[in-house]
Amino acid sequence: MKKALKVTFLMLVSFLAMAPAAFAQVAAEDNKFTQGSFIALAAGLGLGIAAFGGALGQGRTAAAALEGIARNPGASDKLFTPMILGLALIESLVIYALVIAFVFSGKFA
């Protein structure tokens, strides 16, 4: 698991390291990239990061709740409501990031 995470991280870093050179070459050919296109790109990347963080948080929440229920099945009623509330709050943060991405990409598009 840790090796796959390291490989994914290295792939992301290498992609981000090569991206400025690609944008610089295209921008030198014709000036199609404006401030709005970079803001839209940043909004998309930010939304991807928010979705990844939300999914990670929801997975950990569900895993912890299921482990607690497995250890003590009698406490499932006490664990279920806070778990659902936590999942809703995590998802609301991801939806908030989506709204911000729409606002930013709409201003400069």
N, C-alpha and C. Protein backbone atom coordinates (compact mmCIF):
# COMPACT_ATOMS: atom_id res chain seq x y z
N MET A 1 0.82 -1.19 0.00
CA MET A 1 0.00 0.00 0.00
C MET A 1 0.87 1.25 0.00
N LYS A 2 1.89 1.27 0.84
CA LYS A 2 2.75 2.44 0.91
C LYS A 2 3.56 2.61 -0.37
N LYS A 3 3.95 1.50 -1.00
CA LYS A 3 4.71 1.59 -2.23
C LYS A 3 3.85 2.17 -3.35
N ALA A 4 2.58 1.77 -3.41
CA ALA A 4 1.67 2.31 -4.43
C ALA A 4 1.45 3.80 -4.19
N LEU A 5 1.37 4.22 -2.94
CA LEU A 5 1.19 5.63 -2.63
C LEU A 5 2.42 6.43 -3.04
N LYS A 6 3.61 5.88 -2.80
CA LYS A 6 4.84 6.55 -3.21
C LYS A 6 4.93 6.68 -4.72
N VAL A 7 4.55 5.62 -5.43
CA VAL A 7 4.60 5.65 -6.89
C VAL A 7 3.61 6.68 -7.43
N THR A 8 2.42 6.73 -6.86
CA THR A 8 1.42 7.71 -7.27
C THR A 8 1.91 9.12 -7.00
N PHE A 9 2.51 9.33 -5.85
CA PHE A 9 3.03 10.65 -5.51
C PHE A 9 4.14 11.06 -6.48
N LEU A 10 5.04 10.14 -6.79
CA LEU A 10 6.13 10.46 -7.72
C LEU A 10 5.61 10.75 -9.12
N MET A 11 4.57 10.04 -9.54
CA MET A 11 3.98 10.31 -10.85
C MET A 11 3.33 11.70 -10.87
N LEU A 12 2.67 12.07 -9.79
CA LEU A 12 2.05 13.38 -9.70
C LEU A 12 3.10 14.49 -9.72
N VAL A 13 4.17 14.31 -8.97
CA VAL A 13 5.23 15.31 -8.92
C VAL A 13 5.90 15.44 -10.29
N SER A 14 6.14 14.32 -10.97
CA SER A 14 6.77 14.40 -12.29
C SER A 14 5.84 15.07 -13.29
N PHE A 15 4.54 14.81 -13.20
CA PHE A 15 3.59 15.48 -14.08
C PHE A 15 3.60 16.98 -13.83
N LEU A 16 3.59 17.38 -12.57
CA LEU A 16 3.58 18.80 -12.26
C LEU A 16 4.90 19.47 -12.62
N ALA A 17 5.99 18.71 -12.61
CA ALA A 17 7.28 19.29 -13.00
C ALA A 17 7.37 19.51 -14.50
N MET A 18 6.70 18.66 -15.29
CA MET A 18 6.75 18.79 -16.75
C MET A 18 5.71 19.76 -17.29
N ALA A 19 4.66 20.03 -16.55
CA ALA A 19 3.56 20.86 -17.05
C ALA A 19 3.98 22.29 -17.41
N PRO A 20 4.80 23.00 -16.60
CA PRO A 20 5.15 24.37 -16.98
C PRO A 20 5.89 24.45 -18.31
N ALA A 21 6.73 23.49 -18.60
CA ALA A 21 7.44 23.51 -19.87
C ALA A 21 6.47 23.34 -21.04
N ALA A 22 5.49 22.50 -20.88
CA ALA A 22 4.50 22.30 -21.94
C ALA A 22 3.67 23.55 -22.14
N PHE A 23 3.27 24.20 -21.05
CA PHE A 23 2.49 25.42 -21.18
C PHE A 23 3.32 26.55 -21.77
N ALA A 24 4.59 26.62 -21.41
CA ALA A 24 5.44 27.68 -21.95
C ALA A 24 5.62 27.51 -23.46
N GLN A 25 5.75 26.29 -23.93
CA GLN A 25 5.93 26.05 -25.35
C GLN A 25 4.66 26.42 -26.12
N VAL A 26 3.53 26.06 -25.62
CA VAL A 26 2.27 26.37 -26.30
C VAL A 26 2.03 27.87 -26.26
N ALA A 27 2.33 28.51 -25.15
CA ALA A 27 2.11 29.94 -25.04
C ALA A 27 3.02 30.72 -25.98
N ALA A 28 4.20 30.18 -26.28
CA ALA A 28 5.10 30.86 -27.20
C ALA A 28 4.58 30.76 -28.64
N GLU A 29 3.90 29.66 -28.97
CA GLU A 29 3.39 29.49 -30.33
C GLU A 29 2.23 30.43 -30.60
N ASP A 30 1.24 30.43 -29.77
CA ASP A 30 0.11 31.33 -29.90
C ASP A 30 -0.43 31.65 -28.52
N ASN A 31 -0.86 32.83 -28.32
CA ASN A 31 -1.23 33.30 -26.98
C ASN A 31 -2.69 32.98 -26.70
N LYS A 32 -3.03 31.69 -26.61
CA LYS A 32 -4.39 31.29 -26.31
C LYS A 32 -4.65 31.15 -24.81
N PHE A 33 -3.59 30.99 -24.04
CA PHE A 33 -3.76 30.82 -22.60
C PHE A 33 -3.88 32.19 -21.95
N THR A 34 -4.97 32.36 -21.24
CA THR A 34 -5.19 33.61 -20.53
C THR A 34 -5.25 33.31 -19.05
N GLN A 35 -5.47 34.35 -18.29
CA GLN A 35 -5.57 34.16 -16.85
C GLN A 35 -6.76 33.27 -16.50
N GLY A 36 -7.83 33.38 -17.26
CA GLY A 36 -9.01 32.57 -17.00
C GLY A 36 -8.77 31.09 -17.18
N SER A 37 -7.98 30.73 -18.17
CA SER A 37 -7.73 29.31 -18.39
C SER A 37 -6.89 28.72 -17.26
N PHE A 38 -5.97 29.49 -16.72
CA PHE A 38 -5.17 28.99 -15.60
C PHE A 38 -6.02 28.90 -14.33
N ILE A 39 -6.95 29.83 -14.16
CA ILE A 39 -7.83 29.77 -13.00
C ILE A 39 -8.76 28.57 -13.11
N ALA A 40 -9.24 28.29 -14.31
CA ALA A 40 -10.09 27.11 -14.51
C ALA A 40 -9.30 25.83 -14.25
N LEU A 41 -8.03 25.80 -14.68
CA LEU A 41 -7.18 24.64 -14.42
C LEU A 41 -6.95 24.47 -12.91
N ALA A 42 -6.71 25.57 -12.22
CA ALA A 42 -6.51 25.51 -10.78
C ALA A 42 -7.78 25.07 -10.07
N ALA A 43 -8.93 25.52 -10.55
CA ALA A 43 -10.20 25.11 -9.95
C ALA A 43 -10.41 23.60 -10.13
N GLY A 44 -10.09 23.10 -11.31
CA GLY A 44 -10.22 21.66 -11.55
C GLY A 44 -9.28 20.84 -10.70
N LEU A 45 -8.04 21.28 -10.58
CA LEU A 45 -7.09 20.56 -9.72
C LEU A 45 -7.50 20.63 -8.26
N GLY A 46 -7.98 21.79 -7.83
CA GLY A 46 -8.44 21.93 -6.44
C GLY A 46 -9.62 21.04 -6.15
N LEU A 47 -10.52 20.92 -7.11
CA LEU A 47 -11.67 20.05 -6.93
C LEU A 47 -11.25 18.59 -6.86
N GLY A 48 -10.27 18.22 -7.67
CA GLY A 48 -9.75 16.84 -7.61
C GLY A 48 -9.11 16.53 -6.27
N ILE A 49 -8.36 17.47 -5.76
CA ILE A 49 -7.72 17.27 -4.45
C ILE A 49 -8.77 17.19 -3.35
N ALA A 50 -9.80 18.05 -3.44
CA ALA A 50 -10.87 18.02 -2.43
C ALA A 50 -11.63 16.70 -2.48
N ALA A 51 -11.90 16.21 -3.70
CA ALA A 51 -12.62 14.94 -3.82
C ALA A 51 -11.78 13.78 -3.27
N PHE A 52 -10.47 13.82 -3.54
CA PHE A 52 -9.58 12.79 -3.02
C PHE A 52 -9.56 12.82 -1.49
N GLY A 53 -9.44 14.01 -0.92
CA GLY A 53 -9.42 14.13 0.54
C GLY A 53 -10.74 13.71 1.17
N GLY A 54 -11.85 14.08 0.52
CA GLY A 54 -13.16 13.67 1.03
C GLY A 54 -13.35 12.17 0.98
N ALA A 55 -12.93 11.56 -0.12
CA ALA A 55 -13.05 10.10 -0.24
C ALA A 55 -12.17 9.40 0.79
N LEU A 56 -10.99 9.92 1.01
CA LEU A 56 -10.10 9.35 2.02
C LEU A 56 -10.71 9.46 3.41
N GLY A 57 -11.28 10.63 3.72
CA GLY A 57 -11.91 10.83 5.01
C GLY A 57 -13.13 9.95 5.20
N GLN A 58 -13.94 9.80 4.15
CA GLN A 58 -15.12 8.95 4.25
C GLN A 58 -14.73 7.49 4.42
N GLY A 59 -13.69 7.07 3.73
CA GLY A 59 -13.23 5.68 3.88
C GLY A 59 -12.74 5.39 5.28
N ARG A 60 -11.98 6.33 5.83
CA ARG A 60 -11.48 6.12 7.19
C ARG A 60 -12.61 6.15 8.22
N THR A 61 -13.59 7.03 8.00
CA THR A 61 -14.73 7.10 8.91
C THR A 61 -15.52 5.81 8.90
N ALA A 62 -15.81 5.31 7.71
CA ALA A 62 -16.58 4.07 7.60
C ALA A 62 -15.80 2.89 8.17
N ALA A 63 -14.50 2.85 7.92
CA ALA A 63 -13.69 1.75 8.44
C ALA A 63 -13.66 1.76 9.97
N ALA A 64 -13.51 2.95 10.55
CA ALA A 64 -13.48 3.04 12.01
C ALA A 64 -14.83 2.66 12.63
N ALA A 65 -15.92 3.11 11.99
CA ALA A 65 -17.24 2.77 12.51
C ALA A 65 -17.51 1.27 12.39
N LEU A 66 -17.16 0.70 11.27
CA LEU A 66 -17.39 -0.74 11.10
C LEU A 66 -16.52 -1.57 12.04
N GLU A 67 -15.31 -1.09 12.30
CA GLU A 67 -14.45 -1.80 13.26
C GLU A 67 -15.04 -1.71 14.67
N GLY A 68 -15.57 -0.55 15.01
CA GLY A 68 -16.21 -0.40 16.32
C GLY A 68 -17.44 -1.28 16.45
N ILE A 69 -18.22 -1.37 15.37
CA ILE A 69 -19.41 -2.23 15.41
C ILE A 69 -19.00 -3.69 15.48
N ALA A 70 -17.93 -4.06 14.80
CA ALA A 70 -17.47 -5.45 14.83
C ALA A 70 -16.97 -5.83 16.23
N ARG A 71 -16.35 -4.88 16.91
CA ARG A 71 -15.85 -5.19 18.25
C ARG A 71 -16.98 -5.23 19.29
N ASN A 72 -17.99 -4.37 19.07
CA ASN A 72 -19.10 -4.31 20.02
C ASN A 72 -20.40 -4.15 19.24
N PRO A 73 -21.03 -5.23 18.82
CA PRO A 73 -22.24 -5.12 18.00
C PRO A 73 -23.40 -4.41 18.70
N GLY A 74 -23.39 -4.39 20.01
CA GLY A 74 -24.45 -3.70 20.74
C GLY A 74 -24.39 -2.19 20.62
N ALA A 75 -23.24 -1.67 20.22
CA ALA A 75 -23.08 -0.22 20.11
C ALA A 75 -23.35 0.29 18.71
N SER A 76 -23.91 -0.55 17.85
CA SER A 76 -24.12 -0.12 16.47
C SER A 76 -25.10 1.05 16.37
N ASP A 77 -26.12 1.08 17.23
CA ASP A 77 -27.06 2.19 17.22
C ASP A 77 -26.39 3.50 17.64
N LYS A 78 -25.47 3.40 18.60
CA LYS A 78 -24.77 4.60 19.07
C LYS A 78 -23.72 5.08 18.08
N LEU A 79 -23.19 4.21 17.25
CA LEU A 79 -22.16 4.59 16.29
C LEU A 79 -22.73 5.04 14.94
N PHE A 80 -23.91 4.56 14.60
CA PHE A 80 -24.45 4.81 13.27
C PHE A 80 -24.77 6.28 13.03
N THR A 81 -25.45 6.93 13.96
CA THR A 81 -25.86 8.33 13.77
C THR A 81 -24.66 9.27 13.69
N PRO A 82 -23.68 9.20 14.59
CA PRO A 82 -22.51 10.07 14.43
C PRO A 82 -21.72 9.79 13.15
N MET A 83 -21.70 8.52 12.72
CA MET A 83 -20.99 8.21 11.48
C MET A 83 -21.68 8.88 10.29
N ILE A 84 -23.00 8.79 10.21
CA ILE A 84 -23.74 9.42 9.12
C ILE A 84 -23.57 10.93 9.16
N LEU A 85 -23.59 11.51 10.35
CA LEU A 85 -23.39 12.95 10.48
C LEU A 85 -21.99 13.35 10.01
N GLY A 86 -20.98 12.58 10.40
CA GLY A 86 -19.61 12.85 9.95
C GLY A 86 -19.46 12.72 8.44
N LEU A 87 -20.07 11.69 7.86
CA LEU A 87 -20.02 11.52 6.41
C LEU A 87 -20.69 12.69 5.69
N ALA A 88 -21.80 13.17 6.23
CA ALA A 88 -22.49 14.30 5.62
C ALA A 88 -21.64 15.56 5.68
N LEU A 89 -20.96 15.78 6.80
CA LEU A 89 -20.11 16.96 6.92
C LEU A 89 -18.90 16.87 5.98
N ILE A 90 -18.32 15.70 5.83
CA ILE A 90 -17.20 15.53 4.91
C ILE A 90 -17.66 15.80 3.49
N GLU A 91 -18.81 15.26 3.12
CA GLU A 91 -19.33 15.45 1.76
C GLU A 91 -19.69 16.91 1.52
N SER A 92 -20.17 17.62 2.55
CA SER A 92 -20.50 19.04 2.37
C SER A 92 -19.24 19.86 2.07
N LEU A 93 -18.11 19.49 2.62
CA LEU A 93 -16.87 20.20 2.30
C LEU A 93 -16.47 20.00 0.85
N VAL A 94 -16.68 18.81 0.32
CA VAL A 94 -16.36 18.54 -1.08
C VAL A 94 -17.31 19.31 -1.99
N ILE A 95 -18.59 19.38 -1.62
CA ILE A 95 -19.55 20.15 -2.41
C ILE A 95 -19.22 21.64 -2.34
N TYR A 96 -18.75 22.11 -1.20
CA TYR A 96 -18.31 23.50 -1.08
C TYR A 96 -17.14 23.77 -2.01
N ALA A 97 -16.21 22.85 -2.13
CA ALA A 97 -15.10 23.01 -3.07
C ALA A 97 -15.61 23.04 -4.51
N LEU A 98 -16.63 22.24 -4.82
CA LEU A 98 -17.23 22.26 -6.15
C LEU A 98 -17.85 23.62 -6.46
N VAL A 99 -18.55 24.20 -5.50
CA VAL A 99 -19.17 25.51 -5.69
C VAL A 99 -18.09 26.57 -5.92
N ILE A 100 -17.03 26.52 -5.14
CA ILE A 100 -15.94 27.48 -5.32
C ILE A 100 -15.29 27.32 -6.69
N ALA A 101 -15.12 26.09 -7.14
CA ALA A 101 -14.54 25.86 -8.47
C ALA A 101 -15.45 26.43 -9.56
N PHE A 102 -16.76 26.26 -9.42
CA PHE A 102 -17.69 26.84 -10.41
C PHE A 102 -17.65 28.36 -10.39
N VAL A 103 -17.56 28.95 -9.21
CA VAL A 103 -17.52 30.41 -9.12
C VAL A 103 -16.25 30.94 -9.77
N PHE A 104 -15.12 30.34 -9.47
CA PHE A 104 -13.86 30.82 -10.05
C PHE A 104 -13.80 30.61 -11.55
N SER A 105 -14.24 29.45 -12.02
CA SER A 105 -14.15 29.21 -13.46
C SER A 105 -15.18 30.04 -14.22
N GLY A 106 -16.28 30.42 -13.60
CA GLY A 106 -17.28 31.25 -14.24
C GLY A 106 -16.87 32.71 -14.35
N LYS A 107 -16.03 33.18 -13.44
CA LYS A 107 -15.61 34.58 -13.46
C LYS A 107 -14.65 34.89 -14.59
N PHE A 108 -13.81 33.96 -14.93
CA PHE A 108 -12.73 34.26 -15.87
C PHE A 108 -12.84 33.49 -17.18
N ALA A 109 -13.91 32.77 -17.39
CA ALA A 109 -14.04 31.99 -18.62
C ALA A 109 -14.52 32.85 -19.77
